[in-house]
Amino acid sequence: MLFCGINPGLYTAAVGHHFARPGNRFWKVLHEAGFTDRLLSPFEEAGLLDAGIGITNLVARATATAAELTRGELGEGARLLEAKVAATHPQIVAMLGMQAFRTAFGDRTAALGLQPQPMAHSRVWLLPNPSGLQARYQLPDLIAFFEDLRAAASRTDGAPSRRRRAEPRGRGLRSARAVRAIRPATER
């Protein structure tokens, strides 16, 4: 399996290890979802290779936030990633970050989970960005999405779980704010 982040943050680039910023939840989620038998530090990332897990980035340029990347950088990153996947043949490419994925691959409707189009014969699975700057998905939500990925990877037929994930609590159309906006004023 190949996990693909968007790009390194400034701290991550400074220390030279993926998802190294202390607020990033990647390592905790990876462990809690059952990919590792203990919580690893970013400085132990090489140990993932023994478990058949690799990490890369869509774009190599370090930025304070992924929003600083241009559409062109994301598109070029997609092209380079496809070449990397064609050369390494991972079973699954797990993309971390829905908006970056949508922009890079020109798929404005991509949803979390298994994507319909493979990448160089590898399945593509879209996950939320585990960055601490991405507050939309809380830790239990992230763990559940990663657990679904792990279950799909372990299935011999390669099919995703039939379980459907709801939007994270407090967001989307089911949020309390949205319900109040939809409900007639007399019911408020």
N, C-alpha and C. Protein backbone atom coordinates (compact mmCIF):
# COMPACT_ATOMS: atom_id res chain seq x y z
N MET A 1 0.85 -1.16 0.00
CA MET A 1 0.00 0.00 0.00
C MET A 1 0.89 1.23 0.00
N LEU A 2 0.46 2.24 -0.75
CA LEU A 2 1.19 3.49 -0.81
C LEU A 2 0.28 4.62 -0.33
N PHE A 3 0.65 5.26 0.78
CA PHE A 3 -0.06 6.44 1.27
C PHE A 3 0.55 7.65 0.58
N CYS A 4 -0.30 8.52 0.06
CA CYS A 4 0.18 9.71 -0.63
C CYS A 4 -0.41 10.96 0.01
N GLY A 5 0.45 11.72 0.67
CA GLY A 5 0.04 12.99 1.24
C GLY A 5 0.01 14.06 0.15
N ILE A 6 -0.43 15.24 0.50
CA ILE A 6 -0.52 16.32 -0.49
C ILE A 6 0.88 16.88 -0.75
N ASN A 7 1.51 17.42 0.27
CA ASN A 7 2.87 17.95 0.19
C ASN A 7 3.39 18.12 1.61
N PRO A 8 4.70 18.22 1.76
CA PRO A 8 5.22 18.39 3.11
C PRO A 8 4.94 19.79 3.66
N GLY A 9 4.60 19.84 4.93
CA GLY A 9 4.52 21.12 5.62
C GLY A 9 5.94 21.59 5.92
N LEU A 10 6.06 22.80 6.40
CA LEU A 10 7.39 23.36 6.65
C LEU A 10 8.15 22.57 7.72
N TYR A 11 7.47 22.19 8.80
CA TYR A 11 8.13 21.42 9.87
C TYR A 11 8.56 20.05 9.35
N THR A 12 7.66 19.39 8.63
CA THR A 12 7.96 18.07 8.07
C THR A 12 9.18 18.15 7.16
N ALA A 13 9.23 19.17 6.32
CA ALA A 13 10.38 19.34 5.43
C ALA A 13 11.66 19.59 6.22
N ALA A 14 11.55 20.37 7.29
CA ALA A 14 12.74 20.68 8.10
C ALA A 14 13.33 19.45 8.76
N VAL A 15 12.47 18.54 9.23
CA VAL A 15 12.98 17.35 9.91
C VAL A 15 13.18 16.17 8.96
N GLY A 16 12.59 16.25 7.77
CA GLY A 16 12.82 15.22 6.76
C GLY A 16 12.06 13.93 6.95
N HIS A 17 10.91 13.97 7.63
CA HIS A 17 10.10 12.77 7.83
C HIS A 17 8.63 13.11 7.59
N HIS A 18 7.93 12.19 6.93
CA HIS A 18 6.52 12.41 6.58
C HIS A 18 5.63 12.59 7.81
N PHE A 19 4.67 13.49 7.68
CA PHE A 19 3.64 13.72 8.72
C PHE A 19 4.27 13.97 10.09
N ALA A 20 5.34 14.74 10.12
CA ALA A 20 6.12 14.90 11.36
C ALA A 20 5.62 16.00 12.28
N ARG A 21 4.84 16.93 11.79
CA ARG A 21 4.37 18.03 12.65
C ARG A 21 3.60 17.42 13.82
N PRO A 22 3.87 17.87 15.04
CA PRO A 22 3.23 17.27 16.21
C PRO A 22 1.70 17.20 16.17
N GLY A 23 1.03 18.13 15.53
CA GLY A 23 -0.43 18.09 15.46
C GLY A 23 -1.00 17.17 14.40
N ASN A 24 -0.14 16.60 13.56
CA ASN A 24 -0.64 15.72 12.51
C ASN A 24 -1.07 14.39 13.11
N ARG A 25 -2.21 13.91 12.69
CA ARG A 25 -2.80 12.71 13.30
C ARG A 25 -2.52 11.43 12.53
N PHE A 26 -1.73 11.50 11.47
CA PHE A 26 -1.49 10.33 10.61
C PHE A 26 -1.00 9.12 11.39
N TRP A 27 0.04 9.29 12.19
CA TRP A 27 0.65 8.14 12.88
C TRP A 27 -0.30 7.52 13.90
N LYS A 28 -1.03 8.35 14.62
CA LYS A 28 -2.00 7.84 15.60
C LYS A 28 -3.12 7.09 14.88
N VAL A 29 -3.63 7.67 13.80
CA VAL A 29 -4.72 7.03 13.05
C VAL A 29 -4.25 5.72 12.44
N LEU A 30 -3.05 5.72 11.89
CA LEU A 30 -2.50 4.50 11.29
C LEU A 30 -2.46 3.37 12.31
N HIS A 31 -2.01 3.70 13.51
CA HIS A 31 -1.95 2.69 14.58
C HIS A 31 -3.35 2.28 15.05
N GLU A 32 -4.20 3.25 15.35
CA GLU A 32 -5.53 2.95 15.87
C GLU A 32 -6.38 2.17 14.87
N ALA A 33 -6.12 2.33 13.57
CA ALA A 33 -6.86 1.60 12.55
C ALA A 33 -6.29 0.21 12.30
N GLY A 34 -5.19 -0.13 12.99
CA GLY A 34 -4.65 -1.48 12.91
C GLY A 34 -3.58 -1.71 11.86
N PHE A 35 -3.04 -0.66 11.27
CA PHE A 35 -1.98 -0.84 10.29
C PHE A 35 -0.64 -1.15 10.95
N THR A 36 -0.45 -0.68 12.19
CA THR A 36 0.78 -0.94 12.92
C THR A 36 0.44 -1.52 14.30
N ASP A 37 1.35 -2.30 14.86
CA ASP A 37 1.08 -2.91 16.16
C ASP A 37 1.39 -1.98 17.33
N ARG A 38 2.01 -0.85 17.04
CA ARG A 38 2.27 0.16 18.07
C ARG A 38 2.31 1.52 17.40
N LEU A 39 2.20 2.56 18.18
CA LEU A 39 2.25 3.92 17.67
C LEU A 39 3.68 4.24 17.27
N LEU A 40 3.88 4.50 15.99
CA LEU A 40 5.20 4.84 15.49
C LEU A 40 5.39 6.36 15.51
N SER A 41 6.63 6.76 15.60
CA SER A 41 7.00 8.16 15.46
C SER A 41 7.32 8.40 13.99
N PRO A 42 7.20 9.63 13.51
CA PRO A 42 7.58 9.91 12.13
C PRO A 42 9.03 9.50 11.84
N PHE A 43 9.86 9.50 12.85
CA PHE A 43 11.27 9.15 12.68
C PHE A 43 11.47 7.65 12.48
N GLU A 44 10.39 6.87 12.63
CA GLU A 44 10.44 5.43 12.42
C GLU A 44 9.74 5.02 11.11
N GLU A 45 9.50 5.97 10.22
CA GLU A 45 8.72 5.69 9.02
C GLU A 45 9.32 4.60 8.15
N ALA A 46 10.62 4.42 8.16
CA ALA A 46 11.25 3.38 7.35
C ALA A 46 10.76 1.99 7.75
N GLY A 47 10.34 1.83 9.00
CA GLY A 47 9.81 0.55 9.47
C GLY A 47 8.52 0.14 8.79
N LEU A 48 7.82 1.10 8.20
CA LEU A 48 6.57 0.77 7.49
C LEU A 48 6.84 -0.11 6.26
N LEU A 49 8.02 0.04 5.67
CA LEU A 49 8.33 -0.74 4.48
C LEU A 49 8.29 -2.23 4.76
N ASP A 50 8.68 -2.64 5.97
CA ASP A 50 8.62 -4.06 6.35
C ASP A 50 7.19 -4.57 6.36
N ALA A 51 6.24 -3.67 6.58
CA ALA A 51 4.82 -4.04 6.60
C ALA A 51 4.18 -3.86 5.22
N GLY A 52 4.99 -3.53 4.21
CA GLY A 52 4.45 -3.34 2.87
C GLY A 52 3.76 -2.01 2.66
N ILE A 53 4.12 -1.01 3.47
CA ILE A 53 3.50 0.30 3.39
C ILE A 53 4.56 1.34 3.04
N GLY A 54 4.25 2.14 2.04
CA GLY A 54 5.12 3.24 1.64
C GLY A 54 4.41 4.56 1.81
N ILE A 55 5.19 5.64 1.83
CA ILE A 55 4.63 6.99 1.93
C ILE A 55 5.31 7.87 0.89
N THR A 56 4.52 8.69 0.24
CA THR A 56 5.05 9.68 -0.70
C THR A 56 4.17 10.92 -0.63
N ASN A 57 4.49 11.91 -1.44
CA ASN A 57 3.70 13.13 -1.53
C ASN A 57 3.31 13.38 -2.97
N LEU A 58 2.21 14.04 -3.16
CA LEU A 58 1.76 14.43 -4.48
C LEU A 58 2.68 15.52 -5.05
N VAL A 59 3.04 16.48 -4.21
CA VAL A 59 3.91 17.59 -4.59
C VAL A 59 5.07 17.64 -3.60
N ALA A 60 6.26 17.83 -4.10
CA ALA A 60 7.45 17.84 -3.24
C ALA A 60 7.66 19.17 -2.52
N ARG A 61 7.16 20.27 -3.07
CA ARG A 61 7.42 21.60 -2.49
C ARG A 61 6.76 21.75 -1.13
N ALA A 62 7.54 22.17 -0.15
CA ALA A 62 7.03 22.40 1.20
C ALA A 62 6.33 23.75 1.26
N THR A 63 5.19 23.78 1.95
CA THR A 63 4.43 25.01 2.15
C THR A 63 3.86 25.01 3.56
N ALA A 64 3.43 26.18 4.01
CA ALA A 64 2.78 26.27 5.31
C ALA A 64 1.42 25.57 5.28
N THR A 65 0.70 25.70 4.17
CA THR A 65 -0.58 25.01 3.99
C THR A 65 -0.67 24.51 2.55
N ALA A 66 -1.43 23.46 2.34
CA ALA A 66 -1.61 22.91 0.99
C ALA A 66 -2.31 23.89 0.06
N ALA A 67 -3.04 24.84 0.62
CA ALA A 67 -3.75 25.84 -0.19
C ALA A 67 -2.78 26.71 -1.00
N GLU A 68 -1.51 26.72 -0.63
CA GLU A 68 -0.51 27.50 -1.36
C GLU A 68 -0.08 26.85 -2.67
N LEU A 69 -0.44 25.59 -2.88
CA LEU A 69 -0.06 24.90 -4.11
C LEU A 69 -0.93 25.37 -5.27
N THR A 70 -0.34 25.40 -6.45
CA THR A 70 -1.09 25.81 -7.63
C THR A 70 -1.75 24.59 -8.29
N ARG A 71 -2.75 24.86 -9.10
CA ARG A 71 -3.41 23.81 -9.88
C ARG A 71 -2.38 23.08 -10.75
N GLY A 72 -1.45 23.84 -11.31
CA GLY A 72 -0.40 23.26 -12.15
C GLY A 72 0.50 22.31 -11.38
N GLU A 73 0.89 22.71 -10.16
CA GLU A 73 1.72 21.83 -9.33
C GLU A 73 1.00 20.54 -9.00
N LEU A 74 -0.28 20.65 -8.67
CA LEU A 74 -1.05 19.44 -8.33
C LEU A 74 -1.20 18.54 -9.56
N GLY A 75 -1.46 19.12 -10.73
CA GLY A 75 -1.57 18.33 -11.95
C GLY A 75 -0.27 17.63 -12.31
N GLU A 76 0.84 18.34 -12.18
CA GLU A 76 2.15 17.74 -12.44
C GLU A 76 2.44 16.65 -11.41
N GLY A 77 2.06 16.89 -10.16
CA GLY A 77 2.23 15.87 -9.13
C GLY A 77 1.45 14.61 -9.46
N ALA A 78 0.24 14.75 -10.00
CA ALA A 78 -0.57 13.59 -10.38
C ALA A 78 0.14 12.78 -11.46
N ARG A 79 0.72 13.48 -12.44
CA ARG A 79 1.43 12.80 -13.52
C ARG A 79 2.64 12.02 -12.96
N LEU A 80 3.40 12.65 -12.09
CA LEU A 80 4.56 11.99 -11.50
C LEU A 80 4.16 10.82 -10.60
N LEU A 81 3.06 10.99 -9.85
CA LEU A 81 2.58 9.91 -8.99
C LEU A 81 2.16 8.71 -9.84
N GLU A 82 1.45 8.94 -10.92
CA GLU A 82 1.05 7.84 -11.79
C GLU A 82 2.25 7.06 -12.30
N ALA A 83 3.33 7.76 -12.64
CA ALA A 83 4.55 7.10 -13.09
C ALA A 83 5.17 6.29 -11.95
N LYS A 84 5.17 6.85 -10.75
CA LYS A 84 5.72 6.14 -9.58
C LYS A 84 4.92 4.88 -9.29
N VAL A 85 3.60 4.98 -9.38
CA VAL A 85 2.72 3.84 -9.12
C VAL A 85 2.93 2.77 -10.20
N ALA A 86 3.07 3.18 -11.45
CA ALA A 86 3.32 2.23 -12.53
C ALA A 86 4.63 1.47 -12.32
N ALA A 87 5.61 2.14 -11.71
CA ALA A 87 6.91 1.50 -11.47
C ALA A 87 6.92 0.60 -10.24
N THR A 88 6.09 0.91 -9.24
CA THR A 88 6.15 0.17 -7.97
C THR A 88 5.00 -0.81 -7.75
N HIS A 89 3.90 -0.66 -8.44
CA HIS A 89 2.74 -1.59 -8.39
C HIS A 89 2.15 -1.83 -7.00
N PRO A 90 1.85 -0.79 -6.23
CA PRO A 90 1.19 -1.05 -4.94
C PRO A 90 -0.22 -1.59 -5.18
N GLN A 91 -0.71 -2.39 -4.26
CA GLN A 91 -2.08 -2.90 -4.36
C GLN A 91 -3.07 -1.75 -4.32
N ILE A 92 -2.84 -0.81 -3.40
CA ILE A 92 -3.73 0.34 -3.22
C ILE A 92 -2.90 1.60 -3.07
N VAL A 93 -3.36 2.68 -3.69
CA VAL A 93 -2.80 4.01 -3.47
C VAL A 93 -3.83 4.74 -2.61
N ALA A 94 -3.44 5.08 -1.40
CA ALA A 94 -4.34 5.78 -0.46
C ALA A 94 -4.01 7.26 -0.50
N MET A 95 -4.88 8.03 -1.14
CA MET A 95 -4.69 9.47 -1.28
C MET A 95 -5.26 10.19 -0.07
N LEU A 96 -4.47 11.07 0.53
CA LEU A 96 -4.89 11.79 1.73
C LEU A 96 -5.18 13.25 1.38
N GLY A 97 -6.46 13.59 1.28
CA GLY A 97 -6.84 14.96 0.98
C GLY A 97 -7.76 15.04 -0.22
N MET A 98 -9.04 15.21 0.03
CA MET A 98 -10.04 15.16 -1.03
C MET A 98 -9.90 16.33 -2.02
N GLN A 99 -9.78 17.55 -1.55
CA GLN A 99 -9.74 18.68 -2.48
C GLN A 99 -8.51 18.63 -3.37
N ALA A 100 -7.37 18.29 -2.80
CA ALA A 100 -6.14 18.18 -3.60
C ALA A 100 -6.29 17.08 -4.65
N PHE A 101 -6.90 15.96 -4.27
CA PHE A 101 -7.12 14.87 -5.21
C PHE A 101 -8.03 15.33 -6.35
N ARG A 102 -9.13 15.98 -6.00
CA ARG A 102 -10.07 16.46 -7.02
C ARG A 102 -9.38 17.39 -8.01
N THR A 103 -8.56 18.29 -7.50
CA THR A 103 -7.87 19.24 -8.37
C THR A 103 -6.80 18.54 -9.20
N ALA A 104 -5.98 17.73 -8.57
CA ALA A 104 -4.86 17.08 -9.26
C ALA A 104 -5.33 16.16 -10.38
N PHE A 105 -6.41 15.43 -10.14
CA PHE A 105 -6.85 14.43 -11.11
C PHE A 105 -8.08 14.88 -11.91
N GLY A 106 -8.51 16.12 -11.71
CA GLY A 106 -9.61 16.66 -12.50
C GLY A 106 -10.94 15.96 -12.27
N ASP A 107 -11.16 15.50 -11.04
CA ASP A 107 -12.42 14.80 -10.72
C ASP A 107 -13.14 15.58 -9.63
N ARG A 108 -13.98 16.52 -10.04
CA ARG A 108 -14.65 17.40 -9.08
C ARG A 108 -15.65 16.68 -8.19
N THR A 109 -16.06 15.47 -8.56
CA THR A 109 -17.08 14.77 -7.78
C THR A 109 -16.51 13.61 -6.95
N ALA A 110 -15.20 13.46 -6.91
CA ALA A 110 -14.60 12.35 -6.15
C ALA A 110 -15.08 12.40 -4.70
N ALA A 111 -15.43 11.23 -4.18
CA ALA A 111 -15.89 11.10 -2.79
C ALA A 111 -14.91 10.21 -2.04
N LEU A 112 -14.96 10.26 -0.73
CA LEU A 112 -14.09 9.42 0.08
C LEU A 112 -14.37 7.95 -0.19
N GLY A 113 -13.31 7.15 -0.12
CA GLY A 113 -13.44 5.71 -0.34
C GLY A 113 -12.80 5.29 -1.65
N LEU A 114 -13.18 4.10 -2.11
CA LEU A 114 -12.64 3.52 -3.34
C LEU A 114 -13.05 4.36 -4.54
N GLN A 115 -12.09 4.67 -5.39
CA GLN A 115 -12.36 5.45 -6.59
C GLN A 115 -12.63 4.50 -7.77
N PRO A 116 -13.49 4.91 -8.69
CA PRO A 116 -13.84 4.02 -9.80
C PRO A 116 -12.70 3.76 -10.78
N GLN A 117 -11.79 4.70 -10.91
CA GLN A 117 -10.69 4.56 -11.86
C GLN A 117 -9.40 4.15 -11.16
N PRO A 118 -8.79 3.05 -11.59
CA PRO A 118 -7.49 2.67 -11.01
C PRO A 118 -6.39 3.61 -11.48
N MET A 119 -5.27 3.53 -10.84
CA MET A 119 -4.08 4.28 -11.24
C MET A 119 -3.02 3.25 -11.59
N ALA A 120 -2.71 3.12 -12.86
CA ALA A 120 -1.70 2.15 -13.30
C ALA A 120 -1.95 0.77 -12.70
N HIS A 121 -3.16 0.30 -12.76
CA HIS A 121 -3.60 -1.02 -12.27
C HIS A 121 -3.66 -1.15 -10.76
N SER A 122 -3.46 -0.07 -10.03
CA SER A 122 -3.60 -0.07 -8.57
C SER A 122 -4.93 0.58 -8.22
N ARG A 123 -5.59 0.02 -7.20
CA ARG A 123 -6.82 0.65 -6.72
C ARG A 123 -6.47 1.96 -6.03
N VAL A 124 -7.37 2.92 -6.11
CA VAL A 124 -7.17 4.22 -5.48
C VAL A 124 -8.25 4.40 -4.43
N TRP A 125 -7.82 4.78 -3.24
CA TRP A 125 -8.72 4.97 -2.11
C TRP A 125 -8.50 6.39 -1.59
N LEU A 126 -9.54 7.17 -1.52
CA LEU A 126 -9.44 8.56 -1.08
C LEU A 126 -9.83 8.67 0.39
N LEU A 127 -8.95 9.30 1.17
CA LEU A 127 -9.12 9.49 2.60
C LEU A 127 -9.05 10.97 2.95
N PRO A 128 -9.63 11.35 4.08
CA PRO A 128 -9.47 12.74 4.53
C PRO A 128 -8.01 13.02 4.88
N ASN A 129 -7.64 14.26 4.79
CA ASN A 129 -6.30 14.69 5.16
C ASN A 129 -6.18 14.63 6.69
N PRO A 130 -5.18 13.93 7.24
CA PRO A 130 -5.06 13.81 8.70
C PRO A 130 -4.37 15.01 9.36
N SER A 131 -4.05 16.03 8.61
CA SER A 131 -3.39 17.20 9.17
C SER A 131 -4.21 17.78 10.31
N GLY A 132 -3.53 18.26 11.32
CA GLY A 132 -4.20 18.93 12.42
C GLY A 132 -4.89 20.21 11.96
N LEU A 133 -4.49 20.75 10.81
CA LEU A 133 -5.12 21.94 10.26
C LEU A 133 -6.49 21.60 9.66
N GLN A 134 -6.73 20.33 9.39
CA GLN A 134 -8.00 19.87 8.81
C GLN A 134 -8.88 19.41 9.96
N ALA A 135 -9.72 20.29 10.45
CA ALA A 135 -10.53 19.99 11.64
C ALA A 135 -11.88 19.38 11.31
N ARG A 136 -12.23 19.28 10.06
CA ARG A 136 -13.55 18.76 9.70
C ARG A 136 -13.75 17.33 10.20
N TYR A 137 -12.71 16.52 10.11
CA TYR A 137 -12.80 15.13 10.55
C TYR A 137 -12.08 14.96 11.87
N GLN A 138 -12.82 14.54 12.87
CA GLN A 138 -12.23 14.31 14.18
C GLN A 138 -11.55 12.94 14.19
N LEU A 139 -10.76 12.69 15.21
CA LEU A 139 -9.96 11.46 15.29
C LEU A 139 -10.80 10.19 15.10
N PRO A 140 -11.95 10.02 15.75
CA PRO A 140 -12.73 8.80 15.52
C PRO A 140 -13.19 8.64 14.07
N ASP A 141 -13.52 9.75 13.41
CA ASP A 141 -13.91 9.70 12.00
C ASP A 141 -12.74 9.22 11.14
N LEU A 142 -11.56 9.81 11.37
CA LEU A 142 -10.38 9.41 10.60
C LEU A 142 -10.06 7.94 10.80
N ILE A 143 -10.10 7.49 12.04
CA ILE A 143 -9.81 6.08 12.33
C ILE A 143 -10.78 5.18 11.58
N ALA A 144 -12.05 5.52 11.58
CA ALA A 144 -13.05 4.70 10.89
C ALA A 144 -12.78 4.64 9.39
N PHE A 145 -12.41 5.76 8.77
CA PHE A 145 -12.09 5.74 7.34
C PHE A 145 -10.87 4.88 7.05
N PHE A 146 -9.85 4.97 7.90
CA PHE A 146 -8.65 4.16 7.72
C PHE A 146 -8.96 2.68 7.98
N GLU A 147 -9.84 2.39 8.92
CA GLU A 147 -10.24 0.99 9.16
C GLU A 147 -10.93 0.41 7.93
N ASP A 148 -11.76 1.21 7.27
CA ASP A 148 -12.42 0.75 6.04
C ASP A 148 -11.38 0.42 4.97
N LEU A 149 -10.37 1.27 4.85
CA LEU A 149 -9.29 1.01 3.89
C LEU A 149 -8.58 -0.29 4.23
N ARG A 150 -8.25 -0.45 5.49
CA ARG A 150 -7.53 -1.67 5.91
C ARG A 150 -8.37 -2.92 5.64
N ALA A 151 -9.67 -2.86 5.90
CA ALA A 151 -10.55 -3.99 5.64
C ALA A 151 -10.61 -4.30 4.15
N ALA A 152 -10.70 -3.27 3.33
CA ALA A 152 -10.75 -3.48 1.87
C ALA A 152 -9.44 -4.07 1.36
N ALA A 153 -8.32 -3.63 1.93
CA ALA A 153 -7.02 -4.15 1.50
C ALA A 153 -6.86 -5.61 1.87
N SER A 154 -7.48 -6.03 2.95
CA SER A 154 -7.32 -7.42 3.39
C SER A 154 -8.29 -8.38 2.73
N ARG A 155 -9.32 -7.84 2.07
CA ARG A 155 -10.28 -8.71 1.37
C ARG A 155 -9.64 -9.30 0.14
N THR A 156 -9.84 -10.57 -0.09
CA THR A 156 -9.22 -11.23 -1.23
C THR A 156 -9.86 -10.82 -2.55
N ASP A 157 -11.15 -10.42 -2.53
CA ASP A 157 -11.78 -10.02 -3.79
C ASP A 157 -11.55 -8.55 -4.10
N GLY A 158 -10.93 -7.83 -3.18
CA GLY A 158 -10.60 -6.43 -3.40
C GLY A 158 -11.77 -5.48 -3.29
N ALA A 159 -12.95 -5.97 -2.96
CA ALA A 159 -14.12 -5.10 -2.89
C ALA A 159 -14.12 -4.29 -1.60
N PRO A 160 -14.63 -3.07 -1.66
CA PRO A 160 -14.71 -2.28 -0.44
C PRO A 160 -15.81 -2.79 0.46
N SER A 161 -15.76 -2.37 1.71
CA SER A 161 -16.80 -2.70 2.66
C SER A 161 -18.13 -2.14 2.18
N ARG A 162 -19.22 -2.81 2.50
CA ARG A 162 -20.55 -2.33 2.13
C ARG A 162 -21.04 -1.24 3.09
N ARG A 163 -20.36 -1.09 4.20
CA ARG A 163 -20.75 -0.10 5.19
C ARG A 163 -20.56 1.30 4.61
N ARG A 164 -21.53 2.15 4.80
CA ARG A 164 -21.46 3.52 4.26
C ARG A 164 -21.16 4.47 5.41
N ARG A 165 -20.19 5.35 5.19
CA ARG A 165 -19.79 6.34 6.19
C ARG A 165 -20.67 7.57 6.09
N ALA A 166 -21.08 8.04 7.20
CA ALA A 166 -21.84 9.30 7.24
C ALA A 166 -20.83 10.45 7.28
N GLU A 167 -21.32 11.62 6.98
CA GLU A 167 -20.48 12.81 7.12
C GLU A 167 -20.10 12.93 8.59
N PRO A 168 -18.98 13.56 8.89
CA PRO A 168 -18.60 13.73 10.29
C PRO A 168 -19.65 14.55 11.03
N ARG A 169 -19.79 14.26 12.31
CA ARG A 169 -20.77 14.98 13.11
C ARG A 169 -20.55 16.48 13.06
N GLY A 170 -21.65 17.22 12.97
CA GLY A 170 -21.55 18.66 13.00
C GLY A 170 -21.25 19.29 11.66
N ARG A 171 -21.18 18.51 10.60
CA ARG A 171 -20.86 19.04 9.28
C ARG A 171 -21.85 18.52 8.25
N GLY A 172 -21.78 19.07 7.07
CA GLY A 172 -22.63 18.60 5.98
C GLY A 172 -24.09 18.99 6.21
N LEU A 173 -24.99 18.40 5.45
CA LEU A 173 -26.40 18.74 5.52
C LEU A 173 -27.06 18.37 6.83
N ARG A 174 -26.47 17.46 7.57
CA ARG A 174 -27.09 17.02 8.81
C ARG A 174 -26.61 17.80 10.03
N SER A 175 -25.81 18.82 9.81
CA SER A 175 -25.32 19.57 10.95
C SER A 175 -26.45 20.36 11.59
N ALA A 176 -26.30 20.65 12.86
CA ALA A 176 -27.34 21.39 13.58
C ALA A 176 -27.59 22.73 12.93
N ARG A 177 -26.54 23.40 12.48
CA ARG A 177 -26.69 24.69 11.83
C ARG A 177 -27.53 24.56 10.56
N ALA A 178 -27.27 23.53 9.75
CA ALA A 178 -28.02 23.34 8.51
C ALA A 178 -29.46 22.96 8.80
N VAL A 179 -29.69 22.14 9.83
CA VAL A 179 -31.05 21.74 10.17
C VAL A 179 -31.84 22.96 10.62
N ARG A 180 -31.22 23.83 11.42
CA ARG A 180 -31.90 25.05 11.85
C ARG A 180 -32.26 25.92 10.66
N ALA A 181 -31.35 25.98 9.67
CA ALA A 181 -31.61 26.81 8.50
C ALA A 181 -32.74 26.25 7.64
N ILE A 182 -32.92 24.94 7.63
CA ILE A 182 -33.95 24.30 6.82
C ILE A 182 -35.30 24.32 7.53
N ARG A 183 -35.30 24.14 8.86
CA ARG A 183 -36.53 24.06 9.65
C ARG A 183 -37.25 25.41 9.62
N PRO A 184 -38.57 25.40 9.43
CA PRO A 184 -39.32 26.67 9.44
C PRO A 184 -39.12 27.41 10.76
N ALA A 185 -39.16 28.72 10.69
CA ALA A 185 -38.92 29.56 11.87
C ALA A 185 -39.89 29.25 13.01
N THR A 186 -41.10 28.80 12.71
CA THR A 186 -42.07 28.49 13.76
C THR A 186 -41.66 27.29 14.58
N GLU A 187 -40.80 26.43 14.07
CA GLU A 187 -40.36 25.24 14.81
C GLU A 187 -39.07 25.50 15.59
N ARG A 188 -38.49 26.66 15.43
CA ARG A 188 -37.20 26.95 16.10
C ARG A 188 -37.36 27.34 17.52
